[in-house]
Amino acid sequence: MRRSDREVLGLKNILSILDKCDVIRLGLCADNKPYIVPMNFAYETIGEAVYIYLHCANTGKKIDMITQNNNVCFEADCSYKTVKGEQACDWSAEYESVIGEGCIATVIDENQKVSALNILMERYGFEGEPKYEPHHLSTVTVLKISVTAITGKCNLA
């Protein structure tokens, strides 16, 4: 990282930024063409391993691209504020961000799929235990990113 003074150290601190983010941007590439899509997300940690969960329709551009290339990157940011200066080159921004990469796979096992959906529902404020009708489960794909690299960056006043 070029600006090491803005680097966020420690997985716990990086994840605390991710907790503040509402949306993650998923970066895919297939046929030598990049594609970025904003998505709702949730994550869990098992030891030092981080897994990010996403959900989408069973078919579409994302699924087609993931089938061709399961290597992904992601970005999430929050706390953005423009900082004005006296001169053009004095302007800056406050922000917190997380960037990472990993391998993405479809969650096939129904129990794991429900578990991931529960993590997503809890993250966005659902209280209690969600119930899913079988026809709903069959029309949603749950994706799991096994994170292989993750960094955080912060520039707050």
Protein backbone atom coordinates (compact mmCIF):
# COMPACT_ATOMS: atom_id res chain seq x y z
CA MET A 1 0.00 0.00 0.00
CA ARG A 2 1.51 3.28 -1.10
CA ARG A 3 0.00 5.36 1.73
CA SER A 4 1.04 3.22 4.67
CA ASP A 5 0.01 6.05 7.01
CA ARG A 6 -3.60 5.30 6.03
CA GLU A 7 -3.34 1.51 6.26
CA VAL A 8 -5.66 -0.18 8.73
CA LEU A 9 -3.83 -2.95 10.54
CA GLY A 10 -5.40 -6.06 12.02
CA LEU A 11 -8.29 -8.14 10.76
CA LYS A 12 -10.57 -6.99 13.60
CA ASN A 13 -10.06 -3.33 12.61
CA ILE A 14 -10.60 -4.07 8.92
CA LEU A 15 -13.82 -5.94 9.68
CA SER A 16 -15.03 -3.07 11.87
CA ILE A 17 -14.93 -0.89 8.74
CA LEU A 18 -16.78 -3.56 6.74
CA ASP A 19 -19.46 -3.57 9.46
CA LYS A 20 -20.20 0.10 8.65
CA CYS A 21 -20.56 -0.48 4.90
CA ASP A 22 -24.01 -1.00 3.40
CA VAL A 23 -22.93 -2.30 0.00
CA ILE A 24 -20.00 -4.24 -1.39
CA ARG A 25 -18.88 -3.91 -4.99
CA LEU A 26 -18.06 -7.26 -6.54
CA GLY A 27 -15.48 -7.29 -9.32
CA LEU A 28 -15.68 -10.09 -11.88
CA CYS A 29 -13.84 -10.76 -15.12
CA ALA A 30 -14.68 -13.10 -18.00
CA ASP A 31 -13.66 -13.09 -21.65
CA ASN A 32 -11.08 -10.44 -20.68
CA LYS A 33 -13.91 -8.01 -19.81
CA PRO A 34 -14.23 -6.63 -16.26
CA TYR A 35 -17.60 -6.16 -14.57
CA ILE A 36 -18.43 -4.50 -11.25
CA VAL A 37 -21.75 -4.86 -9.48
CA PRO A 38 -22.90 -3.45 -6.12
CA MET A 39 -24.48 -6.05 -3.84
CA ASN A 40 -25.82 -6.55 -0.36
CA PHE A 41 -23.49 -8.72 1.67
CA ALA A 42 -22.73 -10.31 4.99
CA TYR A 43 -19.69 -12.11 6.30
CA GLU A 44 -18.57 -14.55 8.91
CA THR A 45 -15.18 -15.43 10.28
CA ILE A 46 -13.94 -18.84 11.27
CA GLY A 47 -10.64 -18.31 13.02
CA GLU A 48 -8.70 -15.96 10.75
CA ALA A 49 -10.66 -17.05 7.65
CA VAL A 50 -13.21 -14.59 6.25
CA TYR A 51 -16.20 -15.66 4.16
CA ILE A 52 -18.45 -13.14 2.42
CA TYR A 53 -22.00 -14.11 1.43
CA LEU A 54 -24.04 -12.61 -1.39
CA HIS A 55 -27.34 -13.58 -2.96
CA CYS A 56 -28.75 -13.19 -6.44
CA ALA A 57 -30.98 -14.76 -9.04
CA ASN A 58 -30.15 -18.23 -10.34
CA THR A 59 -29.28 -16.93 -13.79
CA GLY A 60 -27.76 -13.81 -15.24
CA LYS A 61 -24.52 -12.07 -16.09
CA LYS A 62 -22.91 -12.58 -12.65
CA ILE A 63 -23.56 -16.31 -12.68
CA ASP A 64 -22.31 -16.63 -16.25
CA MET A 65 -19.11 -14.76 -15.41
CA ILE A 66 -18.49 -16.70 -12.19
CA THR A 67 -18.90 -19.95 -14.13
CA GLN A 68 -16.09 -18.81 -16.44
CA ASN A 69 -13.81 -17.34 -13.77
CA ASN A 70 -14.31 -17.78 -10.02
CA ASN A 71 -11.56 -15.32 -9.04
CA VAL A 72 -13.12 -12.12 -7.72
CA CYS A 73 -12.23 -8.88 -6.03
CA PHE A 74 -14.38 -6.65 -3.86
CA GLU A 75 -14.49 -3.14 -2.45
CA ALA A 76 -16.60 -1.46 0.21
CA ASP A 77 -16.37 2.07 1.58
CA CYS A 78 -18.06 4.35 4.08
CA SER A 79 -17.66 7.60 6.01
CA TYR A 80 -16.98 9.56 2.82
CA LYS A 81 -16.69 13.34 3.11
CA THR A 82 -15.08 15.86 0.77
CA VAL A 83 -12.53 18.02 2.55
CA LYS A 84 -12.23 21.43 0.90
CA GLY A 85 -8.99 23.38 0.83
CA GLU A 86 -7.79 26.86 -0.04
CA GLN A 87 -6.31 25.70 -3.36
CA ALA A 88 -7.26 22.90 -5.73
CA CYS A 89 -4.40 20.63 -4.61
CA ASP A 90 -5.35 21.12 -0.95
CA TRP A 91 -8.65 19.27 -1.38
CA SER A 92 -8.91 15.75 -0.03
CA ALA A 93 -11.42 13.24 1.25
CA GLU A 94 -12.20 11.46 4.47
CA TYR A 95 -13.14 7.79 4.08
CA GLU A 96 -12.81 4.25 5.30
CA SER A 97 -12.49 1.41 2.80
CA VAL A 98 -11.87 -2.29 2.48
CA ILE A 99 -10.49 -4.02 -0.60
CA GLY A 100 -9.92 -7.73 -1.06
CA GLU A 101 -9.90 -10.73 -3.32
CA GLY A 102 -10.87 -14.35 -3.19
CA CYS A 103 -12.55 -17.29 -4.86
CA ILE A 104 -16.32 -17.37 -5.22
CA ALA A 105 -18.54 -20.45 -5.26
CA THR A 106 -22.23 -21.23 -5.21
CA VAL A 107 -23.50 -22.60 -1.91
CA ILE A 108 -25.17 -25.89 -2.85
CA ASP A 109 -26.00 -27.50 0.51
CA GLU A 110 -29.46 -26.29 1.60
CA ASN A 111 -28.54 -26.06 5.30
CA GLN A 112 -25.49 -23.93 4.47
CA LYS A 113 -27.62 -21.84 2.11
CA VAL A 114 -30.15 -21.15 4.89
CA SER A 115 -27.35 -20.36 7.33
CA ALA A 116 -25.85 -17.83 4.90
CA LEU A 117 -29.25 -16.26 4.23
CA ASN A 118 -29.79 -15.96 7.99
CA ILE A 119 -26.46 -14.14 8.31
CA LEU A 120 -27.55 -11.77 5.53
CA MET A 121 -30.97 -11.19 7.10
CA GLU A 122 -29.46 -10.48 10.52
CA ARG A 123 -26.95 -8.02 9.05
CA TYR A 124 -29.72 -5.95 7.50
CA GLY A 125 -31.88 -5.89 10.63
CA PHE A 126 -34.19 -8.91 10.57
CA GLU A 127 -35.09 -9.88 14.12
CA GLY A 128 -36.01 -13.40 15.07
CA GLU A 129 -35.53 -16.54 13.03
CA PRO A 130 -36.29 -16.15 9.33
CA LYS A 131 -38.39 -18.77 7.60
CA TYR A 132 -37.91 -19.60 3.92
CA GLU A 133 -40.47 -21.31 1.73
CA PRO A 134 -38.98 -24.07 -0.44
CA HIS A 135 -39.96 -22.24 -3.64
CA HIS A 136 -38.09 -19.14 -2.42
CA LEU A 137 -34.97 -21.16 -1.68
CA SER A 138 -35.08 -22.66 -5.16
CA THR A 139 -35.16 -19.25 -6.85
CA VAL A 140 -32.19 -17.70 -5.06
CA THR A 141 -28.48 -18.40 -5.45
CA VAL A 142 -26.21 -17.86 -2.47
CA LEU A 143 -22.60 -17.07 -3.29
CA LYS A 144 -19.68 -17.50 -0.91
CA ILE A 145 -16.37 -15.70 -1.30
CA SER A 146 -13.46 -17.39 0.43
CA VAL A 147 -11.33 -14.31 1.06
CA THR A 148 -7.64 -14.77 0.20
CA ALA A 149 -6.51 -11.16 0.76
CA ILE A 150 -8.08 -8.20 2.53
CA THR A 151 -6.81 -4.71 3.33
CA GLY A 152 -8.26 -1.62 4.95
CA LYS A 153 -7.55 2.05 4.48
CA CYS A 154 -8.72 5.02 6.52
CA ASN A 155 -8.37 8.79 6.27
CA LEU A 156 -10.48 10.46 8.95
CA ALA A 157 -9.86 13.84 10.59
